[in-house]
Amino acid sequence: MHVSLTPKLEELVREKVESGLYNNASEVVREALRLMQEHDSLRRLKLARLHEALGEGDTDLAAGRYAVLPDDDSLEAFFAKL
């Protein structure tokens, strides 16, 4: 596999290797891809939780479980109680 990097990214890889934390550029790229994979997994988890919370909110709204907050003071008081 051949990968092309911008000069800025090449310099970043070089700096990581020179720091002694990595033995070579391949290790830096593997670590970056592993972190990207973790980031993507976390994003999917957050999105799933958001969809779940939205579903709960829709259910509560349909069941009449909600509060009307007519102004900013009411909204601030509501959040202060949480």
PDB file of N, CA and C in Angstrom:
ATOM      1  N   MET A   1       0.852  -1.166   0.000  1.00  0.00           N
ATOM      2  CA  MET A   1       0.000   0.000   0.000  1.00  0.00           C
ATOM      3  C   MET A   1       0.903   1.236   0.000  1.00  0.00           C
ATOM      4  N   HIS A   2       0.513   2.205  -0.774  1.00  0.00           N
ATOM      5  CA  HIS A   2       1.256   3.462  -0.838  1.00  0.00           C
ATOM      6  C   HIS A   2       0.349   4.573  -0.330  1.00  0.00           C
ATOM      7  N   VAL A   3       0.884   5.397   0.551  1.00  0.00           N
ATOM      8  CA  VAL A   3       0.108   6.491   1.118  1.00  0.00           C
ATOM      9  C   VAL A   3       0.845   7.799   0.862  1.00  0.00           C
ATOM     10  N   SER A   4       0.122   8.792   0.359  1.00  0.00           N
ATOM     11  CA  SER A   4       0.702  10.112   0.137  1.00  0.00           C
ATOM     12  C   SER A   4       0.242  11.049   1.253  1.00  0.00           C
ATOM     13  N   LEU A   5       1.187  11.780   1.823  1.00  0.00           N
ATOM     14  CA  LEU A   5       0.875  12.729   2.882  1.00  0.00           C
ATOM     15  C   LEU A   5       1.267  14.131   2.440  1.00  0.00           C
ATOM     16  N   THR A   6       0.569  15.098   3.003  1.00  0.00           N
ATOM     17  CA  THR A   6       0.957  16.479   2.755  1.00  0.00           C
ATOM     18  C   THR A   6       2.295  16.723   3.463  1.00  0.00           C
ATOM     19  N   PRO A   7       3.025  17.735   3.042  1.00  0.00           N
ATOM     20  CA  PRO A   7       4.290  18.030   3.733  1.00  0.00           C
ATOM     21  C   PRO A   7       4.104  18.258   5.233  1.00  0.00           C
ATOM     22  N   LYS A   8       3.012  18.884   5.614  1.00  0.00           N
ATOM     23  CA  LYS A   8       2.750  19.134   7.034  1.00  0.00           C
ATOM     24  C   LYS A   8       2.574  17.820   7.800  1.00  0.00           C
ATOM     25  N   LEU A   9       1.827  16.869   7.204  1.00  0.00           N
ATOM     26  CA  LEU A   9       1.627  15.576   7.859  1.00  0.00           C
ATOM     27  C   LEU A   9       2.918  14.760   7.872  1.00  0.00           C
ATOM     28  N   GLU A  10       3.697  14.850   6.811  1.00  0.00           N
ATOM     29  CA  GLU A  10       4.993  14.156   6.794  1.00  0.00           C
ATOM     30  C   GLU A  10       5.870  14.654   7.935  1.00  0.00           C
ATOM     31  N   GLU A  11       5.873  15.959   8.146  1.00  0.00           N
ATOM     32  CA  GLU A  11       6.667  16.536   9.227  1.00  0.00           C
ATOM     33  C   GLU A  11       6.162  16.055  10.587  1.00  0.00           C
ATOM     34  N   LEU A  12       4.855  15.975  10.742  1.00  0.00           N
ATOM     35  CA  LEU A  12       4.282  15.483  11.992  1.00  0.00           C
ATOM     36  C   LEU A  12       4.722  14.044  12.253  1.00  0.00           C
ATOM     37  N   VAL A  13       4.679  13.206  11.247  1.00  0.00           N
ATOM     38  CA  VAL A  13       5.112  11.809  11.394  1.00  0.00           C
ATOM     39  C   VAL A  13       6.592  11.773  11.758  1.00  0.00           C
ATOM     40  N   ARG A  14       7.386  12.554  11.080  1.00  0.00           N
ATOM     41  CA  ARG A  14       8.827  12.615  11.359  1.00  0.00           C
ATOM     42  C   ARG A  14       9.073  13.035  12.818  1.00  0.00           C
ATOM     43  N   GLU A  15       8.338  14.043  13.273  1.00  0.00           N
ATOM     44  CA  GLU A  15       8.494  14.515  14.652  1.00  0.00           C
ATOM     45  C   GLU A  15       8.135  13.421  15.658  1.00  0.00           C
ATOM     46  N   LYS A  16       7.085  12.674  15.369  1.00  0.00           N
ATOM     47  CA  LYS A  16       6.668  11.596  16.276  1.00  0.00           C
ATOM     48  C   LYS A  16       7.744  10.523  16.368  1.00  0.00           C
ATOM     49  N   VAL A  17       8.326  10.167  15.236  1.00  0.00           N
ATOM     50  CA  VAL A  17       9.386   9.156  15.236  1.00  0.00           C
ATOM     51  C   VAL A  17      10.610   9.695  15.973  1.00  0.00           C
ATOM     52  N   GLU A  18      10.979  10.945  15.694  1.00  0.00           N
ATOM     53  CA  GLU A  18      12.149  11.546  16.328  1.00  0.00           C
ATOM     54  C   GLU A  18      11.973  11.709  17.840  1.00  0.00           C
ATOM     55  N   SER A  19      10.717  11.775  18.302  1.00  0.00           N
ATOM     56  CA  SER A  19      10.471  11.906  19.741  1.00  0.00           C
ATOM     57  C   SER A  19      10.851  10.644  20.502  1.00  0.00           C
ATOM     58  N   GLY A  20      10.967   9.539  19.783  1.00  0.00           N
ATOM     59  CA  GLY A  20      11.304   8.275  20.417  1.00  0.00           C
ATOM     60  C   GLY A  20      10.102   7.457  20.840  1.00  0.00           C
ATOM     61  N   LEU A  21       8.909   8.012  20.672  1.00  0.00           N
ATOM     62  CA  LEU A  21       7.711   7.268  21.054  1.00  0.00           C
ATOM     63  C   LEU A  21       7.369   6.174  20.042  1.00  0.00           C
ATOM     64  N   TYR A  22       7.844   6.337  18.840  1.00  0.00           N
ATOM     65  CA  TYR A  22       7.570   5.377  17.761  1.00  0.00           C
ATOM     66  C   TYR A  22       8.885   5.016  17.098  1.00  0.00           C
ATOM     67  N   ASN A  23       8.967   3.772  16.623  1.00  0.00           N
ATOM     68  CA  ASN A  23      10.190   3.314  15.960  1.00  0.00           C
ATOM     69  C   ASN A  23      10.259   3.735  14.495  1.00  0.00           C
ATOM     70  N   ASN A  24       9.091   3.895  13.883  1.00  0.00           N
ATOM     71  CA  ASN A  24       9.086   4.231  12.462  1.00  0.00           C
ATOM     72  C   ASN A  24       7.749   4.855  12.068  1.00  0.00           C
ATOM     73  N   ALA A  25       7.674   5.309  10.828  1.00  0.00           N
ATOM     74  CA  ALA A  25       6.472   5.977  10.332  1.00  0.00           C
ATOM     75  C   ALA A  25       5.263   5.043  10.338  1.00  0.00           C
ATOM     76  N   SER A  26       5.473   3.775  10.080  1.00  0.00           N
ATOM     77  CA  SER A  26       4.357   2.828  10.058  1.00  0.00           C
ATOM     78  C   SER A  26       3.665   2.753  11.415  1.00  0.00           C
ATOM     79  N   GLU A  27       4.452   2.784  12.483  1.00  0.00           N
ATOM     80  CA  GLU A  27       3.857   2.756  13.818  1.00  0.00           C
ATOM     81  C   GLU A  27       3.012   4.007  14.063  1.00  0.00           C
ATOM     82  N   VAL A  28       3.483   5.145  13.604  1.00  0.00           N
ATOM     83  CA  VAL A  28       2.736   6.388  13.779  1.00  0.00           C
ATOM     84  C   VAL A  28       1.407   6.305  13.029  1.00  0.00           C
ATOM     85  N   VAL A  29       1.455   5.830  11.796  1.00  0.00           N
ATOM     86  CA  VAL A  29       0.237   5.731  10.985  1.00  0.00           C
ATOM     87  C   VAL A  29      -0.725   4.714  11.591  1.00  0.00           C
ATOM     88  N   ARG A  30      -0.214   3.581  12.067  1.00  0.00           N
ATOM     89  CA  ARG A  30      -1.088   2.582  12.695  1.00  0.00           C
ATOM     90  C   ARG A  30      -1.781   3.158  13.925  1.00  0.00           C
ATOM     91  N   GLU A  31      -1.025   3.887  14.748  1.00  0.00           N
ATOM     92  CA  GLU A  31      -1.605   4.504  15.943  1.00  0.00           C
ATOM     93  C   GLU A  31      -2.659   5.533  15.554  1.00  0.00           C
ATOM     94  N   ALA A  32      -2.373   6.326  14.537  1.00  0.00           N
ATOM     95  CA  ALA A  32      -3.338   7.331  14.082  1.00  0.00           C
ATOM     96  C   ALA A  32      -4.621   6.661  13.599  1.00  0.00           C
ATOM     97  N   LEU A  33      -4.496   5.571  12.869  1.00  0.00           N
ATOM     98  CA  LEU A  33      -5.679   4.857  12.382  1.00  0.00           C
ATOM     99  C   LEU A  33      -6.449   4.210  13.526  1.00  0.00           C
ATOM    100  N   ARG A  34      -5.728   3.696  14.522  1.00  0.00           N
ATOM    101  CA  ARG A  34      -6.397   3.113  15.690  1.00  0.00           C
ATOM    102  C   ARG A  34      -7.185   4.194  16.426  1.00  0.00           C
ATOM    103  N   LEU A  35      -6.585   5.357  16.599  1.00  0.00           N
ATOM    104  CA  LEU A  35      -7.282   6.456  17.268  1.00  0.00           C
ATOM    105  C   LEU A  35      -8.487   6.929  16.455  1.00  0.00           C
ATOM    106  N   MET A  36      -8.357   6.930  15.131  1.00  0.00           N
ATOM    107  CA  MET A  36      -9.480   7.298  14.281  1.00  0.00           C
ATOM    108  C   MET A  36     -10.614   6.299  14.443  1.00  0.00           C
ATOM    109  N   GLN A  37     -10.266   5.032  14.533  1.00  0.00           N
ATOM    110  CA  GLN A  37     -11.272   3.983  14.719  1.00  0.00           C
ATOM    111  C   GLN A  37     -11.988   4.159  16.060  1.00  0.00           C
ATOM    112  N   GLU A  38     -11.235   4.458  17.119  1.00  0.00           N
ATOM    113  CA  GLU A  38     -11.837   4.701  18.425  1.00  0.00           C
ATOM    114  C   GLU A  38     -12.754   5.921  18.378  1.00  0.00           C
ATOM    115  N   HIS A  39     -12.305   6.968  17.720  1.00  0.00           N
ATOM    116  CA  HIS A  39     -13.095   8.184  17.587  1.00  0.00           C
ATOM    117  C   HIS A  39     -14.411   7.894  16.859  1.00  0.00           C
ATOM    118  N   ASP A  40     -14.338   7.128  15.778  1.00  0.00           N
ATOM    119  CA  ASP A  40     -15.547   6.777  15.028  1.00  0.00           C
ATOM    120  C   ASP A  40     -16.503   5.938  15.869  1.00  0.00           C
ATOM    121  N   SER A  41     -15.961   5.012  16.655  1.00  0.00           N
ATOM    122  CA  SER A  41     -16.801   4.182  17.528  1.00  0.00           C
ATOM    123  C   SER A  41     -17.490   5.036  18.582  1.00  0.00           C
ATOM    124  N   LEU A  42     -16.753   5.961  19.153  1.00  0.00           N
ATOM    125  CA  LEU A  42     -17.335   6.856  20.159  1.00  0.00           C
ATOM    126  C   LEU A  42     -18.415   7.726  19.546  1.00  0.00           C
ATOM    127  N   ARG A  43     -18.181   8.216  18.336  1.00  0.00           N
ATOM    128  CA  ARG A  43     -19.183   9.040  17.652  1.00  0.00           C
ATOM    129  C   ARG A  43     -20.453   8.234  17.383  1.00  0.00           C
ATOM    130  N   ARG A  44     -20.297   6.983  16.962  1.00  0.00           N
ATOM    131  CA  ARG A  44     -21.478   6.127  16.734  1.00  0.00           C
ATOM    132  C   ARG A  44     -22.236   5.883  18.027  1.00  0.00           C
ATOM    133  N   LEU A  45     -21.516   5.654  19.128  1.00  0.00           N
ATOM    134  CA  LEU A  45     -22.146   5.432  20.425  1.00  0.00           C
ATOM    135  C   LEU A  45     -22.913   6.681  20.864  1.00  0.00           C
ATOM    136  N   LYS A  46     -22.301   7.847  20.724  1.00  0.00           N
ATOM    137  CA  LYS A  46     -22.974   9.097  21.097  1.00  0.00           C
ATOM    138  C   LYS A  46     -24.226   9.313  20.254  1.00  0.00           C
ATOM    139  N   LEU A  47     -24.128   9.017  18.973  1.00  0.00           N
ATOM    140  CA  LEU A  47     -25.281   9.186  18.090  1.00  0.00           C
ATOM    141  C   LEU A  47     -26.403   8.230  18.479  1.00  0.00           C
ATOM    142  N   ALA A  48     -26.069   6.989  18.815  1.00  0.00           N
ATOM    143  CA  ALA A  48     -27.081   6.019  19.247  1.00  0.00           C
ATOM    144  C   ALA A  48     -27.762   6.491  20.528  1.00  0.00           C
ATOM    145  N   ARG A  49     -26.974   7.025  21.466  1.00  0.00           N
ATOM    146  CA  ARG A  49     -27.555   7.527  22.717  1.00  0.00           C
ATOM    147  C   ARG A  49     -28.440   8.742  22.461  1.00  0.00           C
ATOM    148  N   LEU A  50     -28.040   9.587  21.534  1.00  0.00           N
ATOM    149  CA  LEU A  50     -28.853  10.747  21.189  1.00  0.00           C
ATOM    150  C   LEU A  50     -30.178  10.310  20.584  1.00  0.00           C
ATOM    151  N   HIS A  51     -30.145   9.322  19.680  1.00  0.00           N
ATOM    152  CA  HIS A  51     -31.388   8.816  19.090  1.00  0.00           C
ATOM    153  C   HIS A  51     -32.293   8.223  20.155  1.00  0.00           C
ATOM    154  N   GLU A  52     -31.691   7.515  21.106  1.00  0.00           N
ATOM    155  CA  GLU A  52     -32.469   6.930  22.206  1.00  0.00           C
ATOM    156  C   GLU A  52     -33.129   8.031  23.034  1.00  0.00           C
ATOM    157  N   ALA A  53     -32.364   9.074  23.367  1.00  0.00           N
ATOM    158  CA  ALA A  53     -32.912  10.177  24.160  1.00  0.00           C
ATOM    159  C   ALA A  53     -34.008  10.912  23.390  1.00  0.00           C
ATOM    160  N   LEU A  54     -33.834  11.072  22.090  1.00  0.00           N
ATOM    161  CA  LEU A  54     -34.870  11.710  21.285  1.00  0.00           C
ATOM    162  C   LEU A  54     -36.147  10.878  21.277  1.00  0.00           C
ATOM    163  N   GLY A  55     -35.994   9.562  21.204  1.00  0.00           N
ATOM    164  CA  GLY A  55     -37.158   8.685  21.259  1.00  0.00           C
ATOM    165  C   GLY A  55     -37.893   8.807  22.584  1.00  0.00           C
ATOM    166  N   GLU A  56     -37.118   8.873  23.673  1.00  0.00           N
ATOM    167  CA  GLU A  56     -37.735   9.045  24.996  1.00  0.00           C
ATOM    168  C   GLU A  56     -38.452  10.391  25.074  1.00  0.00           C
ATOM    169  N   GLY A  57     -37.837  11.418  24.508  1.00  0.00           N
ATOM    170  CA  GLY A  57     -38.463  12.734  24.502  1.00  0.00           C
ATOM    171  C   GLY A  57     -39.748  12.749  23.701  1.00  0.00           C
ATOM    172  N   ASP A  58     -39.746  12.089  22.553  1.00  0.00           N
ATOM    173  CA  ASP A  58     -40.963  11.992  21.748  1.00  0.00           C
ATOM    174  C   ASP A  58     -42.071  11.278  22.507  1.00  0.00           C
ATOM    175  N   THR A  59     -41.704  10.204  23.218  1.00  0.00           N
ATOM    176  CA  THR A  59     -42.674   9.451  24.004  1.00  0.00           C
ATOM    177  C   THR A  59     -43.253  10.319  25.118  1.00  0.00           C
ATOM    178  N   ASP A  60     -42.380  11.035  25.819  1.00  0.00           N
ATOM    179  CA  ASP A  60     -42.849  11.912  26.893  1.00  0.00           C
ATOM    180  C   ASP A  60     -43.748  13.017  26.346  1.00  0.00           C
ATOM    181  N   LEU A  61     -43.365  13.593  25.229  1.00  0.00           N
ATOM    182  CA  LEU A  61     -44.168  14.657  24.626  1.00  0.00           C
ATOM    183  C   LEU A  61     -45.550  14.140  24.244  1.00  0.00           C
ATOM    184  N   ALA A  62     -45.597  12.971  23.626  1.00  0.00           N
ATOM    185  CA  ALA A  62     -46.875  12.391  23.218  1.00  0.00           C
ATOM    186  C   ALA A  62     -47.756  12.060  24.420  1.00  0.00           C
ATOM    187  N   ALA A  63     -47.115  11.732  25.555  1.00  0.00           N
ATOM    188  CA  ALA A  63     -47.867  11.386  26.766  1.00  0.00           C
ATOM    189  C   ALA A  63     -48.207  12.617  27.597  1.00  0.00           C
ATOM    190  N   GLY A  64     -47.810  13.792  27.131  1.00  0.00           N
ATOM    191  CA  GLY A  64     -48.126  15.014  27.863  1.00  0.00           C
ATOM    192  C   GLY A  64     -47.180  15.319  29.001  1.00  0.00           C
ATOM    193  N   ARG A  65     -46.055  14.633  29.052  1.00  0.00           N
ATOM    194  CA  ARG A  65     -45.068  14.877  30.112  1.00  0.00           C
ATOM    195  C   ARG A  65     -44.059  15.918  29.635  1.00  0.00           C
ATOM    196  N   TYR A  66     -44.448  17.174  29.791  1.00  0.00           N
ATOM    197  CA  TYR A  66     -43.550  18.261  29.425  1.00  0.00           C
ATOM    198  C   TYR A  66     -43.939  19.506  30.205  1.00  0.00           C
ATOM    199  N   ALA A  67     -43.055  20.483  30.213  1.00  0.00           N
ATOM    200  CA  ALA A  67     -43.317  21.743  30.915  1.00  0.00           C
ATOM    201  C   ALA A  67     -43.202  22.880  29.910  1.00  0.00           C
ATOM    202  N   VAL A  68     -44.054  23.860  30.050  1.00  0.00           N
ATOM    203  CA  VAL A  68     -43.994  25.061  29.221  1.00  0.00           C
ATOM    204  C   VAL A  68     -43.166  26.095  29.981  1.00  0.00           C
ATOM    205  N   LEU A  69     -42.125  26.584  29.346  1.00  0.00           N
ATOM    206  CA  LEU A  69     -41.260  27.586  29.952  1.00  0.00           C
ATOM    207  C   LEU A  69     -41.372  28.855  29.101  1.00  0.00           C
ATOM    208  N   PRO A  70     -42.172  29.805  29.541  1.00  0.00           N
ATOM    209  CA  PRO A  70     -42.527  30.944  28.695  1.00  0.00           C
ATOM    210  C   PRO A  70     -41.443  32.003  28.509  1.00  0.00           C
ATOM    211  N   ASP A  71     -40.428  32.005  29.391  1.00  0.00           N
ATOM    212  CA  ASP A  71     -39.425  33.062  29.260  1.00  0.00           C
ATOM    213  C   ASP A  71     -38.061  32.559  29.754  1.00  0.00           C
ATOM    214  N   ASP A  72     -37.048  33.396  29.585  1.00  0.00           N
ATOM    215  CA  ASP A  72     -35.688  33.014  29.966  1.00  0.00           C
ATOM    216  C   ASP A  72     -35.559  32.740  31.457  1.00  0.00           C
ATOM    217  N   ASP A  73     -36.252  33.513  32.282  1.00  0.00           N
ATOM    218  CA  ASP A  73     -36.180  33.290  33.726  1.00  0.00           C
ATOM    219  C   ASP A  73     -36.714  31.912  34.106  1.00  0.00           C
ATOM    220  N   SER A  74     -37.815  31.530  33.475  1.00  0.00           N
ATOM    221  CA  SER A  74     -38.384  30.198  33.736  1.00  0.00           C
ATOM    222  C   SER A  74     -37.416  29.103  33.299  1.00  0.00           C
ATOM    223  N   LEU A  75     -36.764  29.321  32.167  1.00  0.00           N
ATOM    224  CA  LEU A  75     -35.809  28.347  31.665  1.00  0.00           C
ATOM    225  C   LEU A  75     -34.611  28.234  32.612  1.00  0.00           C
ATOM    226  N   GLU A  76     -34.093  29.351  33.076  1.00  0.00           N
ATOM    227  CA  GLU A  76     -32.983  29.343  34.026  1.00  0.00           C
ATOM    228  C   GLU A  76     -33.373  28.664  35.325  1.00  0.00           C
ATOM    229  N   ALA A  77     -34.564  28.927  35.822  1.00  0.00           N
ATOM    230  CA  ALA A  77     -35.030  28.302  37.061  1.00  0.00           C
ATOM    231  C   ALA A  77     -35.169  26.797  36.879  1.00  0.00           C
ATOM    232  N   PHE A  78     -35.655  26.389  35.722  1.00  0.00           N
ATOM    233  CA  PHE A  78     -35.804  24.960  35.431  1.00  0.00           C
ATOM    234  C   PHE A  78     -34.454  24.258  35.478  1.00  0.00           C
ATOM    235  N   PHE A  79     -33.458  24.836  34.808  1.00  0.00           N
ATOM    236  CA  PHE A  79     -32.129  24.219  34.783  1.00  0.00           C
ATOM    237  C   PHE A  79     -31.441  24.294  36.138  1.00  0.00           C
ATOM    238  N   ALA A  80     -31.735  25.302  36.918  1.00  0.00           N
ATOM    239  CA  ALA A  80     -31.135  25.417  38.258  1.00  0.00           C
ATOM    240  C   ALA A  80     -31.603  24.276  39.159  1.00  0.00           C
ATOM    241  N   LYS A  81     -32.817  23.779  38.924  1.00  0.00           N
ATOM    242  CA  LYS A  81     -33.361  22.679  39.737  1.00  0.00           C
ATOM    243  C   LYS A  81     -32.741  21.324  39.380  1.00  0.00           C
ATOM    244  N   LEU A  82     -32.170  21.221  38.203  1.00  0.00           N
ATOM    245  CA  LEU A  82     -31.614  19.922  37.769  1.00  0.00           C
ATOM    246  C   LEU A  82     -30.396  19.529  38.535  1.00  0.00           C
TER     247      LEU A  82
END
